[in-house]
C-alpha atoms as a PDB file:
ATOM      1  CA  UNK A   1    -123.024  39.039 -64.370  1.00  0.00           C
ATOM      2  CA  UNK A   2    -126.674  40.078 -63.330  1.00  0.00           C
ATOM      3  CA  UNK A   3    -126.917  43.485 -64.099  1.00  0.00           C
ATOM      4  CA  UNK A   4    -127.066  44.388 -60.558  1.00  0.00           C
ATOM      5  CA  UNK A   5    -124.141  43.189 -60.038  1.00  0.00           C
ATOM      6  CA  UNK A   6    -123.035  45.329 -63.533  1.00  0.00           C
ATOM      7  CA  UNK A   7    -123.896  48.581 -62.043  1.00  0.00           C
ATOM      8  CA  UNK A   8    -122.355  47.852 -58.346  1.00  0.00           C
ATOM      9  CA  UNK A   9    -118.895  47.449 -60.574  1.00  0.00           C
ATOM     10  CA  UNK A  10    -119.535  51.354 -62.357  1.00  0.00           C
ATOM     11  CA  UNK A  11    -120.205  52.621 -59.093  1.00  0.00           C
ATOM     12  CA  UNK A  12    -118.273  55.035 -57.419  1.00  0.00           C
ATOM     13  CA  UNK A  13    -118.341  57.461 -54.792  1.00  0.00           C
ATOM     14  CA  UNK A  14    -117.957  60.778 -55.071  1.00  0.00           C
ATOM     15  CA  UNK A  15    -116.212  62.578 -51.777  1.00  0.00           C
ATOM     16  CA  UNK A  16    -116.875  66.120 -53.027  1.00  0.00           C
ATOM     17  CA  UNK A  17    -121.351  64.940 -53.554  1.00  0.00           C
ATOM     18  CA  UNK A  18    -123.327  65.609 -51.215  1.00  0.00           C
ATOM     19  CA  UNK A  19    -125.536  62.066 -52.087  1.00  0.00           C
ATOM     20  CA  UNK A  20    -123.885  58.675 -53.309  1.00  0.00           C
ATOM     21  CA  UNK A  21    -125.436  55.582 -53.904  1.00  0.00           C
ATOM     22  CA  UNK A  22    -123.408  52.886 -52.001  1.00  0.00           C
ATOM     23  CA  UNK A  23    -121.844  50.392 -54.425  1.00  0.00           C
ATOM     24  CA  UNK A  24    -122.457  47.104 -52.750  1.00  0.00           C
ATOM     25  CA  UNK A  25    -126.433  47.484 -52.455  1.00  0.00           C
ATOM     26  CA  UNK A  26    -126.994  50.083 -54.268  1.00  0.00           C
ATOM     27  CA  UNK A  27    -129.247  52.404 -52.046  1.00  0.00           C
ATOM     28  CA  UNK A  28    -128.739  56.128 -52.138  1.00  0.00           C
ATOM     29  CA  UNK A  29    -127.492  58.212 -49.466  1.00  0.00           C
ATOM     30  CA  UNK A  30    -126.426  61.586 -48.030  1.00  0.00           C
ATOM     31  CA  UNK A  31    -123.037  62.991 -47.212  1.00  0.00           C
ATOM     32  CA  UNK A  32    -120.324  60.205 -46.452  1.00  0.00           C
ATOM     33  CA  UNK A  33    -120.596  58.342 -43.708  1.00  0.00           C
ATOM     34  CA  UNK A  34    -118.210  55.514 -42.416  1.00  0.00           C
ATOM     35  CA  UNK A  35    -120.559  52.762 -43.104  1.00  0.00           C
ATOM     36  CA  UNK A  36    -123.229  52.352 -45.534  1.00  0.00           C
ATOM     37  CA  UNK A  37    -126.583  53.210 -43.688  1.00  0.00           C
ATOM     38  CA  UNK A  38    -128.206  50.240 -45.566  1.00  0.00           C
ATOM     39  CA  UNK A  39    -125.624  47.513 -45.648  1.00  0.00           C
ATOM     40  CA  UNK A  40    -123.014  48.666 -43.573  1.00  0.00           C
ATOM     41  CA  UNK A  41    -120.148  48.633 -46.058  1.00  0.00           C
ATOM     42  CA  UNK A  42    -117.203  50.693 -45.131  1.00  0.00           C
ATOM     43  CA  UNK A  43    -116.951  53.293 -46.891  1.00  0.00           C
ATOM     44  CA  UNK A  44    -113.274  55.265 -45.698  1.00  0.00           C
END
């Protein structure tokens, strides 16, 4: 696995946090949108 793939596997979404990181593209975002604003991964 690449370093990026390892980081992605360990990424979780904290429903109580103001900021999160997408587990697919590793882009940070605010709040809890239905989809990642960068790659479109469904988060909810």
